[in-house]
Amino acid sequence: MCVQGTRHHLLNFISKLETAHSQKRIRLYRSLLKIIVHKVVPDRSARCEPRVTKRRPKAYPRLTKLRQELCKQLQTA
């Protein structure tokens, strides 16, 4: 189920959950979970999400030497 549908069901149940006693609250909670679990997510065949990572360019070069060596170079420069 999509997040929006889950939120919708939760909002419908929240007032009942707040006013219910402990045993009834447990039953309501379990029925809410059953409703959420049994909803089917629709097929989104037009969607395509490639599994790649994107490195963003940084303003500084990458650390390729030991940090101590670079610190020494900066102090002598």
Protein backbone atom coordinates (compact mmCIF):
# COMPACT_ATOMS: atom_id res chain seq x y z
CA MET A 1 0.00 0.00 0.00
CA CYS A 2 1.20 3.48 -0.65
CA VAL A 3 2.07 5.80 2.20
CA GLN A 4 -0.90 8.06 1.50
CA GLY A 5 -3.36 5.16 1.82
CA THR A 6 -1.79 4.02 5.07
CA ARG A 7 -1.98 7.56 6.43
CA HIS A 8 -5.64 7.77 5.43
CA HIS A 9 -6.52 4.56 7.31
CA LEU A 10 -4.51 5.65 10.35
CA LEU A 11 -6.32 8.99 10.49
CA ASN A 12 -9.66 7.16 10.38
CA PHE A 13 -8.65 4.88 13.27
CA ILE A 14 -6.84 7.42 15.48
CA SER A 15 -9.88 8.84 17.25
CA LYS A 16 -11.18 5.35 17.99
CA LEU A 17 -7.77 4.24 19.25
CA GLU A 18 -7.50 7.24 21.59
CA THR A 19 -10.85 6.64 23.27
CA ALA A 20 -10.73 2.84 23.45
CA HIS A 21 -9.78 0.84 26.51
CA SER A 22 -6.69 -1.40 26.43
CA GLN A 23 -8.30 -4.63 25.11
CA LYS A 24 -10.41 -2.83 22.52
CA ARG A 25 -7.40 -0.72 21.51
CA ILE A 26 -5.41 -3.89 20.82
CA ARG A 27 -8.24 -5.28 18.66
CA LEU A 28 -8.55 -2.00 16.76
CA TYR A 29 -4.80 -1.84 16.22
CA ARG A 30 -4.71 -5.40 14.88
CA SER A 31 -7.61 -4.72 12.53
CA LEU A 32 -5.83 -1.57 11.30
CA LEU A 33 -2.72 -3.61 10.56
CA LYS A 34 -4.79 -6.24 8.71
CA ILE A 35 -6.39 -3.54 6.56
CA ILE A 36 -3.01 -2.01 5.72
CA VAL A 37 -1.36 -5.37 4.95
CA HIS A 38 -4.11 -6.59 2.61
CA LYS A 39 -4.07 -3.53 0.36
CA VAL A 40 -2.29 -4.22 -2.91
CA VAL A 41 0.18 -1.77 -4.36
CA PRO A 42 -0.88 -1.05 -7.96
CA ASP A 43 1.47 -1.96 -10.80
CA ARG A 44 3.44 1.08 -11.87
CA SER A 45 4.74 -0.21 -15.18
CA ALA A 46 5.57 3.22 -16.60
CA ARG A 47 8.07 3.86 -13.80
CA CYS A 48 11.75 3.20 -14.26
CA GLU A 49 14.22 3.92 -11.49
CA PRO A 50 17.80 3.03 -12.45
CA ARG A 51 19.96 1.72 -9.61
CA VAL A 52 22.96 3.98 -9.88
CA THR A 53 24.76 6.35 -7.59
CA LYS A 54 25.50 9.89 -8.51
CA ARG A 55 28.65 11.56 -7.24
CA ARG A 56 28.30 15.25 -6.82
CA PRO A 57 31.31 17.40 -7.70
CA LYS A 58 33.02 18.90 -4.67
CA ALA A 59 34.94 22.14 -4.41
CA TYR A 60 37.99 20.34 -2.98
CA PRO A 61 40.16 17.52 -4.37
CA ARG A 62 39.95 14.03 -2.89
CA LEU A 63 42.23 12.97 -0.05
CA THR A 64 44.79 10.74 -1.82
CA LYS A 65 47.74 11.05 0.59
CA LEU A 66 48.03 10.58 4.31
CA ARG A 67 46.49 13.43 6.25
CA GLN A 68 49.75 13.97 8.16
CA GLU A 69 51.71 14.39 4.92
CA LEU A 70 49.25 16.93 3.59
CA CYS A 71 49.37 18.88 6.86
CA LYS A 72 53.14 19.04 6.65
CA GLN A 73 52.97 20.24 3.04
CA LEU A 74 50.52 22.98 4.02
CA GLN A 75 52.77 24.13 6.89
CA THR A 76 55.87 24.36 4.68
CA ALA A 77 54.09 26.09 1.82
